[in-house]
Amino acid sequence: MDLLAVAEGVGRTVAPVFAAAASAEGEGGGGGLTINLFWIIVAAANFLLFFALAYYIVLKPVGATVAARRERIEQGLKDADAARRDREAAADQRQAILAEARREANDIVVRAQKAADEARDQGVTETRAEIERLKEQAVADIEAERQRAVSEVRGQVADLALQAAGRVVGETMSGDRERRLVDEFLTQVTAPAAGTAERN
């Protein structure tokens, strides 16, 4: 508003000079179309004064508002770009974490499968070994039982043979010599029978 006061002061000072010049020209000139330098200068001064007032009152605040809005828009664009980069980085990180989790899960499954296979193989091996051991034990038990049964039968047959021979001879045949003879006879008889049973 100081500029307006200065312009008014200049106008009051210059106006009498221009008025005198205009009256001198009007008295000396004709009545046609003339260019009045005073009024051109006054119009130019009024235009400059109006432009200065319009600049300070309207254009400068509007320019500041536009600049502030431009800064806010640029800041918003920068923030949006930063948010997009952060979102992309978070998506990449999430994909990396998912890939690592899948890899670890696959490793766990492979290890579990391997442990299960090893446990199954070990169980099968132990079962086969136990079956073989039980089979050998059963064969040994059967052989021992057969030997015991053969011994019992041999003893009973020897006793019966001695009693039968004693009745035939009319004497009691219970001596060691007779017993040994009967055992040898039974051994000779049972050896071919055992060979035949093994071939069958």
Foldseek 3Di string as FASTA:
>chain_A
DVLVVVLVVVCVVCVVVLVVVVVVCVVPDDDDDDDRPSVVVVVVSVVVSVVVCCCVPPVVVVVVVVVVVVVVVVVVVVVVVVVVVVVVVVVVVVVVVVVVVVVVVVVVVVVVVVVVVVVVVVVVVVVVVVVVVVVVVVVVVVVVVVVVVLVVVLVVVLVVVQVVVCVVVVHRPDDPVSSVVSSVVVVVVVVVVVVVVVVD
